Each structure stands twice: as structure tokens, then as C-alpha cells.
Amino acid sequence: MNEEILNPIAFSILLTSLYLLRYRGWRRPVMVVFYFAFFVVLEIIASLYFLPSGAFGPGLGYLCLALTVPIAVAVYLIWRHEHKQAELD
């Protein structure tokens, strides 16, 4: 995959997953979509106009995607825990 596409998407997915974890984003899915879209556009503009070609290799994009996995697992576990707590209450 082309690094001009991979890196902005990978950075945005990582930042969005951190937003989900910190602010319980599943309660406001529209904000999650907005947050993701904002960072994709910001990263694409930065990579096209402000960063030299090849500044970040594709390895950094794969690293961001790999870091997203444990965060996504944590988000799922917290979401599941909150739903089980709501059923008990």
C-alpha cells in the first residue's frame, strides 16, 4: 500500500481509537466519525504539502495499526463491562 495513503489512515485510526478509549466515544458515534475524518484530512494535507516525500516510511503506518489493536481490545472490554454493569443496575 502506498505510504501517502497508509500513514494518514493509520495515524487517524490510532488517534480515533484513543479518543474512543478516553472519552467513551461509543456514546456519540457521530463525533467519532467527525474525529476520524478531521484527522484523515489533516494528515493528508500535512503529507502532501508540509512533509518531504518519504519522511515517514510505511513501517510507521504499520506500527500505528499494530498499536491500534490493543487499544481496540481495551475499548471493547470497557464497552462490554459498562453494558454488563447497566444490566445489573
N, C-alpha and C. Protein backbone atom coordinates (compact mmCIF):
# COMPACT_ATOMS: atom_id res chain seq x y z
N MET A 1 0.85 -1.18 0.00
CA MET A 1 0.00 0.00 0.00
C MET A 1 0.89 1.24 0.00
N ASN A 2 0.46 2.26 -0.68
CA ASN A 2 1.21 3.50 -0.80
C ASN A 2 1.28 4.22 0.55
N GLU A 3 2.47 4.67 0.93
CA GLU A 3 2.62 5.28 2.25
C GLU A 3 1.91 6.63 2.37
N GLU A 4 1.66 7.30 1.24
CA GLU A 4 0.90 8.56 1.30
C GLU A 4 -0.55 8.32 1.69
N ILE A 5 -1.03 7.11 1.50
CA ILE A 5 -2.39 6.75 1.90
C ILE A 5 -2.38 5.99 3.22
N LEU A 6 -1.44 5.07 3.38
CA LEU A 6 -1.38 4.23 4.57
C LEU A 6 -1.15 5.05 5.84
N ASN A 7 -0.16 5.91 5.83
CA ASN A 7 0.19 6.64 7.05
C ASN A 7 -0.92 7.56 7.56
N PRO A 8 -1.54 8.38 6.71
CA PRO A 8 -2.65 9.20 7.25
C PRO A 8 -3.79 8.38 7.82
N ILE A 9 -4.13 7.29 7.16
CA ILE A 9 -5.23 6.46 7.66
C ILE A 9 -4.82 5.77 8.96
N ALA A 10 -3.59 5.27 9.02
CA ALA A 10 -3.12 4.58 10.22
C ALA A 10 -3.03 5.54 11.41
N PHE A 11 -2.51 6.74 11.19
CA PHE A 11 -2.45 7.74 12.26
C PHE A 11 -3.84 8.09 12.74
N SER A 12 -4.76 8.27 11.79
CA SER A 12 -6.13 8.66 12.14
C SER A 12 -6.85 7.55 12.90
N ILE A 13 -6.65 6.31 12.50
CA ILE A 13 -7.27 5.20 13.22
C ILE A 13 -6.73 5.12 14.64
N LEU A 14 -5.42 5.31 14.80
CA LEU A 14 -4.83 5.27 16.14
C LEU A 14 -5.38 6.39 17.01
N LEU A 15 -5.42 7.61 16.48
CA LEU A 15 -5.93 8.74 17.26
C LEU A 15 -7.42 8.58 17.58
N THR A 16 -8.18 8.05 16.63
CA THR A 16 -9.60 7.83 16.87
C THR A 16 -9.84 6.75 17.92
N SER A 17 -9.03 5.70 17.89
CA SER A 17 -9.19 4.66 18.91
C SER A 17 -8.83 5.19 20.30
N LEU A 18 -7.84 6.08 20.37
CA LEU A 18 -7.52 6.71 21.66
C LEU A 18 -8.67 7.60 22.13
N TYR A 19 -9.31 8.31 21.20
CA TYR A 19 -10.48 9.11 21.54
C TYR A 19 -11.61 8.22 22.07
N LEU A 20 -11.84 7.10 21.39
CA LEU A 20 -12.86 6.16 21.86
C LEU A 20 -12.59 5.69 23.27
N LEU A 21 -11.34 5.37 23.54
CA LEU A 21 -10.98 4.86 24.86
C LEU A 21 -11.11 5.93 25.93
N ARG A 22 -10.64 7.11 25.65
CA ARG A 22 -10.61 8.16 26.67
C ARG A 22 -11.98 8.76 26.94
N TYR A 23 -12.75 9.03 25.89
CA TYR A 23 -13.99 9.78 26.04
C TYR A 23 -15.24 8.94 25.83
N ARG A 24 -15.10 7.60 25.85
CA ARG A 24 -16.23 6.70 25.66
C ARG A 24 -17.00 7.09 24.40
N GLY A 25 -16.30 7.11 23.29
CA GLY A 25 -16.84 7.59 22.02
C GLY A 25 -18.02 6.82 21.50
N TRP A 26 -18.24 5.60 21.99
CA TRP A 26 -19.39 4.83 21.50
C TRP A 26 -20.70 5.46 21.91
N ARG A 27 -20.66 6.39 22.83
CA ARG A 27 -21.90 7.09 23.22
C ARG A 27 -22.30 8.14 22.20
N ARG A 28 -21.31 8.64 21.44
CA ARG A 28 -21.56 9.65 20.40
C ARG A 28 -20.84 9.24 19.11
N PRO A 29 -21.42 8.33 18.35
CA PRO A 29 -20.73 7.84 17.15
C PRO A 29 -20.50 8.91 16.08
N VAL A 30 -21.35 9.92 16.05
CA VAL A 30 -21.15 11.00 15.07
C VAL A 30 -19.83 11.72 15.34
N MET A 31 -19.51 11.91 16.59
CA MET A 31 -18.25 12.57 16.94
C MET A 31 -17.05 11.70 16.55
N VAL A 32 -17.19 10.40 16.64
CA VAL A 32 -16.11 9.50 16.25
C VAL A 32 -15.84 9.63 14.76
N VAL A 33 -16.90 9.65 13.97
CA VAL A 33 -16.76 9.80 12.52
C VAL A 33 -16.14 11.16 12.20
N PHE A 34 -16.61 12.21 12.86
CA PHE A 34 -16.04 13.54 12.65
C PHE A 34 -14.57 13.58 13.03
N TYR A 35 -14.23 13.01 14.16
CA TYR A 35 -12.86 12.98 14.64
C TYR A 35 -11.96 12.25 13.66
N PHE A 36 -12.41 11.10 13.17
CA PHE A 36 -11.63 10.34 12.20
C PHE A 36 -11.45 11.13 10.91
N ALA A 37 -12.53 11.68 10.38
CA ALA A 37 -12.47 12.44 9.13
C ALA A 37 -11.56 13.66 9.27
N PHE A 38 -11.64 14.35 10.40
CA PHE A 38 -10.79 15.51 10.63
C PHE A 38 -9.32 15.13 10.59
N PHE A 39 -8.95 14.05 11.25
CA PHE A 39 -7.55 13.67 11.28
C PHE A 39 -7.08 13.09 9.95
N VAL A 40 -7.94 12.41 9.21
CA VAL A 40 -7.54 11.94 7.88
C VAL A 40 -7.22 13.13 6.98
N VAL A 41 -8.11 14.11 6.96
CA VAL A 41 -7.88 15.29 6.12
C VAL A 41 -6.63 16.03 6.58
N LEU A 42 -6.46 16.20 7.87
CA LEU A 42 -5.29 16.89 8.39
C LEU A 42 -4.00 16.17 8.04
N GLU A 43 -3.98 14.87 8.18
CA GLU A 43 -2.78 14.09 7.87
C GLU A 43 -2.48 14.07 6.38
N ILE A 44 -3.51 14.00 5.54
CA ILE A 44 -3.28 14.01 4.10
C ILE A 44 -2.73 15.36 3.66
N ILE A 45 -3.29 16.44 4.18
CA ILE A 45 -2.78 17.77 3.85
C ILE A 45 -1.34 17.91 4.32
N ALA A 46 -1.04 17.45 5.52
CA ALA A 46 0.33 17.53 6.02
C ALA A 46 1.29 16.71 5.17
N SER A 47 0.88 15.52 4.77
CA SER A 47 1.79 14.67 3.98
C SER A 47 1.98 15.21 2.57
N LEU A 48 0.97 15.86 2.02
CA LEU A 48 1.10 16.39 0.66
C LEU A 48 1.86 17.71 0.60
N TYR A 49 1.64 18.58 1.58
CA TYR A 49 2.16 19.93 1.46
C TYR A 49 3.29 20.29 2.42
N PHE A 50 3.39 19.61 3.54
CA PHE A 50 4.35 20.05 4.55
C PHE A 50 5.48 19.07 4.82
N LEU A 51 5.28 17.80 4.52
CA LEU A 51 6.31 16.81 4.79
C LEU A 51 7.02 16.43 3.51
N PRO A 52 8.33 16.25 3.56
CA PRO A 52 9.03 15.80 2.36
C PRO A 52 8.64 14.37 2.01
N SER A 53 8.76 14.04 0.76
CA SER A 53 8.40 12.70 0.31
C SER A 53 9.27 11.66 1.00
N GLY A 54 8.63 10.64 1.55
CA GLY A 54 9.36 9.58 2.23
C GLY A 54 9.79 9.93 3.64
N ALA A 55 9.21 10.98 4.22
CA ALA A 55 9.59 11.38 5.59
C ALA A 55 9.26 10.27 6.59
N PHE A 56 8.13 9.67 6.45
CA PHE A 56 7.73 8.54 7.28
C PHE A 56 7.58 7.34 6.37
N GLY A 57 8.29 6.30 6.66
CA GLY A 57 8.19 5.10 5.85
C GLY A 57 6.92 4.34 6.15
N PRO A 58 6.64 3.32 5.38
CA PRO A 58 5.43 2.54 5.62
C PRO A 58 5.47 1.78 6.95
N GLY A 59 6.66 1.57 7.49
CA GLY A 59 6.77 0.88 8.77
C GLY A 59 6.06 1.61 9.89
N LEU A 60 6.08 2.94 9.83
CA LEU A 60 5.39 3.73 10.85
C LEU A 60 3.88 3.56 10.76
N GLY A 61 3.37 3.45 9.56
CA GLY A 61 1.94 3.19 9.38
C GLY A 61 1.54 1.84 9.94
N TYR A 62 2.37 0.84 9.67
CA TYR A 62 2.08 -0.50 10.20
C TYR A 62 2.21 -0.52 11.72
N LEU A 63 3.15 0.23 12.26
CA LEU A 63 3.28 0.33 13.71
C LEU A 63 2.03 0.96 14.33
N CYS A 64 1.52 2.02 13.72
CA CYS A 64 0.30 2.65 14.23
C CYS A 64 -0.88 1.68 14.18
N LEU A 65 -0.97 0.91 13.10
CA LEU A 65 -2.05 -0.07 13.02
C LEU A 65 -1.89 -1.16 14.07
N ALA A 66 -0.64 -1.57 14.33
CA ALA A 66 -0.41 -2.58 15.36
C ALA A 66 -0.73 -2.04 16.75
N LEU A 67 -0.44 -0.77 17.00
CA LEU A 67 -0.75 -0.17 18.30
C LEU A 67 -2.26 0.01 18.49
N THR A 68 -2.99 0.08 17.40
CA THR A 68 -4.43 0.23 17.47
C THR A 68 -5.11 -1.04 18.00
N VAL A 69 -4.52 -2.18 17.74
CA VAL A 69 -5.14 -3.45 18.13
C VAL A 69 -5.36 -3.56 19.64
N PRO A 70 -4.34 -3.35 20.50
CA PRO A 70 -4.62 -3.45 21.93
C PRO A 70 -5.57 -2.37 22.44
N ILE A 71 -5.54 -1.21 21.81
CA ILE A 71 -6.46 -0.15 22.21
C ILE A 71 -7.88 -0.55 21.85
N ALA A 72 -8.07 -1.13 20.67
CA ALA A 72 -9.41 -1.59 20.26
C ALA A 72 -9.91 -2.69 21.19
N VAL A 73 -9.04 -3.57 21.61
CA VAL A 73 -9.43 -4.62 22.56
C VAL A 73 -9.86 -3.99 23.89
N ALA A 74 -9.10 -3.00 24.35
CA ALA A 74 -9.45 -2.32 25.60
C ALA A 74 -10.79 -1.60 25.47
N VAL A 75 -11.02 -0.95 24.34
CA VAL A 75 -12.30 -0.28 24.11
C VAL A 75 -13.44 -1.28 24.17
N TYR A 76 -13.28 -2.41 23.51
CA TYR A 76 -14.32 -3.43 23.52
C TYR A 76 -14.58 -3.95 24.93
N LEU A 77 -13.51 -4.21 25.69
CA LEU A 77 -13.68 -4.73 27.05
C LEU A 77 -14.37 -3.73 27.96
N ILE A 78 -14.03 -2.47 27.83
CA ILE A 78 -14.69 -1.44 28.64
C ILE A 78 -16.15 -1.29 28.24
N TRP A 79 -16.41 -1.29 26.93
CA TRP A 79 -17.79 -1.20 26.46
C TRP A 79 -18.61 -2.37 26.99
N ARG A 80 -18.08 -3.57 26.90
CA ARG A 80 -18.79 -4.76 27.38
C ARG A 80 -19.01 -4.69 28.89
N HIS A 81 -18.00 -4.23 29.63
CA HIS A 81 -18.13 -4.11 31.08
C HIS A 81 -19.23 -3.11 31.45
N GLU A 82 -19.26 -1.98 30.76
CA GLU A 82 -20.29 -0.98 31.05
C GLU A 82 -21.68 -1.50 30.74
N HIS A 83 -21.83 -2.27 29.67
CA HIS A 83 -23.14 -2.83 29.35
C HIS A 83 -23.57 -3.89 30.36
N LYS A 84 -22.64 -4.66 30.83
CA LYS A 84 -22.99 -5.65 31.87
C LYS A 84 -23.35 -4.97 33.18
N GLN A 85 -22.66 -3.89 33.50
CA GLN A 85 -22.98 -3.14 34.72
C GLN A 85 -24.37 -2.51 34.59
N ALA A 86 -24.70 -2.02 33.41
CA ALA A 86 -26.02 -1.41 33.20
C ALA A 86 -27.13 -2.44 33.33
N GLU A 87 -26.87 -3.67 32.90
CA GLU A 87 -27.88 -4.72 33.04
C GLU A 87 -28.07 -5.10 34.49
N LEU A 88 -27.03 -5.05 35.29
CA LEU A 88 -27.14 -5.40 36.70
C LEU A 88 -27.85 -4.33 37.52
N ASP A 89 -27.75 -3.08 37.06
CA ASP A 89 -28.38 -1.98 37.81
C ASP A 89 -29.84 -1.86 37.55
